[in-house]
Each structure stands twice: as structure tokens, then as C-alpha cells.
Amino acid sequence: MQGDEARVLLGFPPNSRPNASQVKAAYKRKVWECHPDLFPVGRKTDAESKFKLEKLVESI
């Protein structure tokens, strides 16, 4: 995943330069949107795959 892709995934424009606190806040919002424990059983696998994508963003 490229930096632009990660920024877009977190809700920033592709060529933006968010600071560390903005990235952290955007990441936390995404985690609440995608966390598998917050989804009903039928949609849990979809949520788990999204949550794994968010883990990739954290590593960048």
C-alpha cells in the first residue's frame, strides 16, 4: 500500500500531509467504523477483513 492509498483510506486527500495527531485521530475513527466486535455475527467476516486493512495502515 502506498502512502496516498493509506491517506485516502483514512479520509485524507491523496496529496495531503496530515500530522501525526491527525493520522492517529483518523485511524481511531476508522477502527470504530470497522471493528469486528461492533458488527452482528452475519457481517463479522466483512468487518474483520476491513479491520485487517486498517492494521496495514498502522504499519505505514
PDB file of N, CA and C in Angstrom:
ATOM      1  N   MET A   1       0.849  -1.168   0.000  1.00  0.00           N
ATOM      2  CA  MET A   1       0.000   0.000   0.000  1.00  0.00           C
ATOM      3  C   MET A   1       0.898   1.237   0.000  1.00  0.00           C
ATOM      4  N   GLN A   2       0.613   2.156  -0.885  1.00  0.00           N
ATOM      5  CA  GLN A   2       1.364   3.399  -0.986  1.00  0.00           C
ATOM      6  C   GLN A   2       0.831   4.420   0.017  1.00  0.00           C
ATOM      7  N   GLY A   3       1.608   5.457   0.266  1.00  0.00           N
ATOM      8  CA  GLY A   3       1.198   6.495   1.206  1.00  0.00           C
ATOM      9  C   GLY A   3      -0.101   7.166   0.814  1.00  0.00           C
ATOM     10  N   ASP A   4      -0.269   7.449  -0.501  1.00  0.00           N
ATOM     11  CA  ASP A   4      -1.506   8.089  -0.959  1.00  0.00           C
ATOM     12  C   ASP A   4      -2.712   7.198  -0.689  1.00  0.00           C
ATOM     13  N   GLU A   5      -2.561   5.899  -0.908  1.00  0.00           N
ATOM     14  CA  GLU A   5      -3.661   4.963  -0.654  1.00  0.00           C
ATOM     15  C   GLU A   5      -4.037   4.958   0.826  1.00  0.00           C
ATOM     16  N   ALA A   6      -3.025   4.967   1.681  1.00  0.00           N
ATOM     17  CA  ALA A   6      -3.276   4.961   3.122  1.00  0.00           C
ATOM     18  C   ALA A   6      -3.983   6.238   3.552  1.00  0.00           C
ATOM     19  N   ARG A   7      -3.548   7.377   3.004  1.00  0.00           N
ATOM     20  CA  ARG A   7      -4.195   8.643   3.358  1.00  0.00           C
ATOM     21  C   ARG A   7      -5.658   8.652   2.925  1.00  0.00           C
ATOM     22  N   VAL A   8      -5.937   8.168   1.718  1.00  0.00           N
ATOM     23  CA  VAL A   8      -7.316   8.124   1.226  1.00  0.00           C
ATOM     24  C   VAL A   8      -8.154   7.186   2.093  1.00  0.00           C
ATOM     25  N   LEU A   9      -7.596   6.050   2.462  1.00  0.00           N
ATOM     26  CA  LEU A   9      -8.306   5.096   3.311  1.00  0.00           C
ATOM     27  C   LEU A   9      -8.690   5.722   4.654  1.00  0.00           C
ATOM     28  N   LEU A  10      -7.849   6.625   5.130  1.00  0.00           N
ATOM     29  CA  LEU A  10      -8.133   7.300   6.398  1.00  0.00           C
ATOM     30  C   LEU A  10      -8.981   8.553   6.222  1.00  0.00           C
ATOM     31  N   GLY A  11      -9.303   8.903   4.976  1.00  0.00           N
ATOM     32  CA  GLY A  11     -10.187  10.041   4.733  1.00  0.00           C
ATOM     33  C   GLY A  11      -9.485  11.339   4.392  1.00  0.00           C
ATOM     34  N   PHE A  12      -8.187  11.291   4.137  1.00  0.00           N
ATOM     35  CA  PHE A  12      -7.441  12.485   3.751  1.00  0.00           C
ATOM     36  C   PHE A  12      -7.329  12.557   2.233  1.00  0.00           C
ATOM     37  N   PRO A  13      -7.152  13.759   1.676  1.00  0.00           N
ATOM     38  CA  PRO A  13      -6.889  13.859   0.236  1.00  0.00           C
ATOM     39  C   PRO A  13      -5.561  13.169  -0.095  1.00  0.00           C
ATOM     40  N   PRO A  14      -5.411  12.625  -1.305  1.00  0.00           N
ATOM     41  CA  PRO A  14      -4.221  11.847  -1.661  1.00  0.00           C
ATOM     42  C   PRO A  14      -2.888  12.558  -1.456  1.00  0.00           C
ATOM     43  N   ASN A  15      -2.790  13.813  -1.782  1.00  0.00           N
ATOM     44  CA  ASN A  15      -1.502  14.512  -1.691  1.00  0.00           C
ATOM     45  C   ASN A  15      -1.354  15.335  -0.426  1.00  0.00           C
ATOM     46  N   SER A  16      -2.186  15.091   0.559  1.00  0.00           N
ATOM     47  CA  SER A  16      -2.133  15.865   1.798  1.00  0.00           C
ATOM     48  C   SER A  16      -0.968  15.406   2.663  1.00  0.00           C
ATOM     49  N   ARG A  17      -0.653  16.214   3.637  1.00  0.00           N
ATOM     50  CA  ARG A  17       0.410  15.894   4.592  1.00  0.00           C
ATOM     51  C   ARG A  17      -0.128  16.038   6.018  1.00  0.00           C
ATOM     52  N   PRO A  18      -0.965  15.090   6.461  1.00  0.00           N
ATOM     53  CA  PRO A  18      -1.503  15.193   7.823  1.00  0.00           C
ATOM     54  C   PRO A  18      -0.404  14.963   8.853  1.00  0.00           C
ATOM     55  N   ASN A  19      -0.530  15.650   9.985  1.00  0.00           N
ATOM     56  CA  ASN A  19       0.460  15.437  11.038  1.00  0.00           C
ATOM     57  C   ASN A  19       0.107  14.171  11.822  1.00  0.00           C
ATOM     58  N   ALA A  20       0.973  13.809  12.733  1.00  0.00           N
ATOM     59  CA  ALA A  20       0.811  12.544  13.463  1.00  0.00           C
ATOM     60  C   ALA A  20      -0.490  12.494  14.260  1.00  0.00           C
ATOM     61  N   SER A  21      -0.877  13.600  14.875  1.00  0.00           N
ATOM     62  CA  SER A  21      -2.107  13.579  15.675  1.00  0.00           C
ATOM     63  C   SER A  21      -3.345  13.455  14.787  1.00  0.00           C
ATOM     64  N   GLN A  22      -3.317  14.038  13.591  1.00  0.00           N
ATOM     65  CA  GLN A  22      -4.438  13.903  12.659  1.00  0.00           C
ATOM     66  C   GLN A  22      -4.560  12.463  12.172  1.00  0.00           C
ATOM     67  N   VAL A  23      -3.421  11.829  11.884  1.00  0.00           N
ATOM     68  CA  VAL A  23      -3.430  10.434  11.436  1.00  0.00           C
ATOM     69  C   VAL A  23      -3.961   9.539  12.549  1.00  0.00           C
ATOM     70  N   LYS A  24      -3.510   9.785  13.762  1.00  0.00           N
ATOM     71  CA  LYS A  24      -3.956   8.977  14.900  1.00  0.00           C
ATOM     72  C   LYS A  24      -5.465   9.106  15.107  1.00  0.00           C
ATOM     73  N   ALA A  25      -5.984  10.324  15.024  1.00  0.00           N
ATOM     74  CA  ALA A  25      -7.422  10.544  15.200  1.00  0.00           C
ATOM     75  C   ALA A  25      -8.224   9.882  14.083  1.00  0.00           C
ATOM     76  N   ALA A  26      -7.749   9.996  12.847  1.00  0.00           N
ATOM     77  CA  ALA A  26      -8.443   9.379  11.710  1.00  0.00           C
ATOM     78  C   ALA A  26      -8.414   7.860  11.834  1.00  0.00           C
ATOM     79  N   TYR A  27      -7.301   7.320  12.286  1.00  0.00           N
ATOM     80  CA  TYR A  27      -7.184   5.876  12.476  1.00  0.00           C
ATOM     81  C   TYR A  27      -8.186   5.388  13.525  1.00  0.00           C
ATOM     82  N   LYS A  28      -8.280   6.102  14.626  1.00  0.00           N
ATOM     83  CA  LYS A  28      -9.214   5.702  15.686  1.00  0.00           C
ATOM     84  C   LYS A  28     -10.657   5.735  15.191  1.00  0.00           C
ATOM     85  N   ARG A  29     -11.003   6.748  14.387  1.00  0.00           N
ATOM     86  CA  ARG A  29     -12.358   6.804  13.822  1.00  0.00           C
ATOM     87  C   ARG A  29     -12.613   5.592  12.932  1.00  0.00           C
ATOM     88  N   LYS A  30     -11.631   5.228  12.099  1.00  0.00           N
ATOM     89  CA  LYS A  30     -11.790   4.083  11.202  1.00  0.00           C
ATOM     90  C   LYS A  30     -11.923   2.792  11.988  1.00  0.00           C
ATOM     91  N   VAL A  31     -11.163   2.663  13.048  1.00  0.00           N
ATOM     92  CA  VAL A  31     -11.243   1.449  13.868  1.00  0.00           C
ATOM     93  C   VAL A  31     -12.648   1.292  14.427  1.00  0.00           C
ATOM     94  N   TRP A  32     -13.252   2.379  14.892  1.00  0.00           N
ATOM     95  CA  TRP A  32     -14.617   2.298  15.417  1.00  0.00           C
ATOM     96  C   TRP A  32     -15.606   1.946  14.325  1.00  0.00           C
ATOM     97  N   GLU A  33     -15.352   2.392  13.095  1.00  0.00           N
ATOM     98  CA  GLU A  33     -16.240   2.061  11.980  1.00  0.00           C
ATOM     99  C   GLU A  33     -16.124   0.598  11.572  1.00  0.00           C
ATOM    100  N   CYS A  34     -14.929   0.048  11.682  1.00  0.00           N
ATOM    101  CA  CYS A  34     -14.644  -1.267  11.096  1.00  0.00           C
ATOM    102  C   CYS A  34     -14.392  -2.374  12.109  1.00  0.00           C
ATOM    103  N   HIS A  35     -14.404  -2.082  13.385  1.00  0.00           N
ATOM    104  CA  HIS A  35     -14.024  -3.100  14.369  1.00  0.00           C
ATOM    105  C   HIS A  35     -14.990  -4.286  14.334  1.00  0.00           C
ATOM    106  N   PRO A  36     -14.455  -5.506  14.206  1.00  0.00           N
ATOM    107  CA  PRO A  36     -15.301  -6.702  14.084  1.00  0.00           C
ATOM    108  C   PRO A  36     -16.228  -6.939  15.274  1.00  0.00           C
ATOM    109  N   ASP A  37     -15.842  -6.541  16.452  1.00  0.00           N
ATOM    110  CA  ASP A  37     -16.682  -6.776  17.629  1.00  0.00           C
ATOM    111  C   ASP A  37     -17.931  -5.900  17.648  1.00  0.00           C
ATOM    112  N   LEU A  38     -17.989  -4.887  16.808  1.00  0.00           N
ATOM    113  CA  LEU A  38     -19.132  -3.982  16.783  1.00  0.00           C
ATOM    114  C   LEU A  38     -20.156  -4.353  15.720  1.00  0.00           C
ATOM    115  N   PHE A  39     -19.929  -5.458  15.003  1.00  0.00           N
ATOM    116  CA  PHE A  39     -20.817  -5.882  13.927  1.00  0.00           C
ATOM    117  C   PHE A  39     -21.607  -7.113  14.338  1.00  0.00           C
ATOM    118  N   PRO A  40     -22.811  -7.287  13.783  1.00  0.00           N
ATOM    119  CA  PRO A  40     -23.563  -8.522  14.032  1.00  0.00           C
ATOM    120  C   PRO A  40     -22.814  -9.726  13.456  1.00  0.00           C
ATOM    121  N   VAL A  41     -23.133 -10.889  13.932  1.00  0.00           N
ATOM    122  CA  VAL A  41     -22.430 -12.114  13.535  1.00  0.00           C
ATOM    123  C   VAL A  41     -22.403 -12.292  12.018  1.00  0.00           C
ATOM    124  N   GLY A  42     -23.480 -12.013  11.326  1.00  0.00           N
ATOM    125  CA  GLY A  42     -23.550 -12.208   9.881  1.00  0.00           C
ATOM    126  C   GLY A  42     -22.604 -11.324   9.094  1.00  0.00           C
ATOM    127  N   ARG A  43     -22.255 -10.166   9.624  1.00  0.00           N
ATOM    128  CA  ARG A  43     -21.378  -9.240   8.917  1.00  0.00           C
ATOM    129  C   ARG A  43     -19.979  -9.224   9.508  1.00  0.00           C
ATOM    130  N   LYS A  44     -19.709 -10.100  10.444  1.00  0.00           N
ATOM    131  CA  LYS A  44     -18.438 -10.074  11.152  1.00  0.00           C
ATOM    132  C   LYS A  44     -17.244 -10.353  10.241  1.00  0.00           C
ATOM    133  N   THR A  45     -17.377 -11.261   9.275  1.00  0.00           N
ATOM    134  CA  THR A  45     -16.245 -11.565   8.396  1.00  0.00           C
ATOM    135  C   THR A  45     -15.887 -10.362   7.531  1.00  0.00           C
ATOM    136  N   ASP A  46     -16.884  -9.610   7.068  1.00  0.00           N
ATOM    137  CA  ASP A  46     -16.604  -8.392   6.306  1.00  0.00           C
ATOM    138  C   ASP A  46     -15.850  -7.385   7.166  1.00  0.00           C
ATOM    139  N   ALA A  47     -16.284  -7.239   8.390  1.00  0.00           N
ATOM    140  CA  ALA A  47     -15.648  -6.293   9.296  1.00  0.00           C
ATOM    141  C   ALA A  47     -14.220  -6.717   9.617  1.00  0.00           C
ATOM    142  N   GLU A  48     -13.992  -8.012   9.772  1.00  0.00           N
ATOM    143  CA  GLU A  48     -12.647  -8.491  10.067  1.00  0.00           C
ATOM    144  C   GLU A  48     -11.694  -8.178   8.928  1.00  0.00           C
ATOM    145  N   SER A  49     -12.139  -8.328   7.692  1.00  0.00           N
ATOM    146  CA  SER A  49     -11.260  -8.031   6.563  1.00  0.00           C
ATOM    147  C   SER A  49     -10.947  -6.537   6.505  1.00  0.00           C
ATOM    148  N   LYS A  50     -11.921  -5.681   6.800  1.00  0.00           N
ATOM    149  CA  LYS A  50     -11.667  -4.242   6.830  1.00  0.00           C
ATOM    150  C   LYS A  50     -10.707  -3.889   7.958  1.00  0.00           C
ATOM    151  N   PHE A  51     -10.874  -4.551   9.099  1.00  0.00           N
ATOM    152  CA  PHE A  51     -10.010  -4.274  10.236  1.00  0.00           C
ATOM    153  C   PHE A  51      -8.567  -4.653   9.915  1.00  0.00           C
ATOM    154  N   LYS A  52      -8.361  -5.740   9.176  1.00  0.00           N
ATOM    155  CA  LYS A  52      -7.013  -6.133   8.778  1.00  0.00           C
ATOM    156  C   LYS A  52      -6.396  -5.087   7.867  1.00  0.00           C
ATOM    157  N   LEU A  53      -7.186  -4.479   6.990  1.00  0.00           N
ATOM    158  CA  LEU A  53      -6.679  -3.404   6.141  1.00  0.00           C
ATOM    159  C   LEU A  53      -6.213  -2.227   6.982  1.00  0.00           C
ATOM    160  N   GLU A  54      -6.937  -1.937   8.025  1.00  0.00           N
ATOM    161  CA  GLU A  54      -6.555  -0.830   8.890  1.00  0.00           C
ATOM    162  C   GLU A  54      -5.232  -1.124   9.598  1.00  0.00           C
ATOM    163  N   LYS A  55      -4.989  -2.373   9.927  1.00  0.00           N
ATOM    164  CA  LYS A  55      -3.714  -2.737  10.547  1.00  0.00           C
ATOM    165  C   LYS A  55      -2.555  -2.429   9.600  1.00  0.00           C
ATOM    166  N   LEU A  56      -2.775  -2.605   8.289  1.00  0.00           N
ATOM    167  CA  LEU A  56      -1.745  -2.268   7.312  1.00  0.00           C
ATOM    168  C   LEU A  56      -1.434  -0.779   7.344  1.00  0.00           C
ATOM    169  N   VAL A  57      -2.455   0.027   7.489  1.00  0.00           N
ATOM    170  CA  VAL A  57      -2.260   1.473   7.533  1.00  0.00           C
ATOM    171  C   VAL A  57      -1.387   1.842   8.725  1.00  0.00           C
ATOM    172  N   GLU A  58      -1.600   1.182   9.834  1.00  0.00           N
ATOM    173  CA  GLU A  58      -0.824   1.474  11.032  1.00  0.00           C
ATOM    174  C   GLU A  58       0.660   1.204  10.806  1.00  0.00           C
ATOM    175  N   SER A  59       0.980   0.217  10.002  1.00  0.00           N
ATOM    176  CA  SER A  59       2.376  -0.141   9.779  1.00  0.00           C
ATOM    177  C   SER A  59       3.099   0.833   8.860  1.00  0.00           C
ATOM    178  N   ILE A  60       2.342   1.690   8.183  1.00  0.00           N
ATOM    179  CA  ILE A  60       2.979   2.643   7.250  1.00  0.00           C
ATOM    180  C   ILE A  60       3.449   3.875   7.961  1.00  0.00           C
TER     181      ILE A  60
END
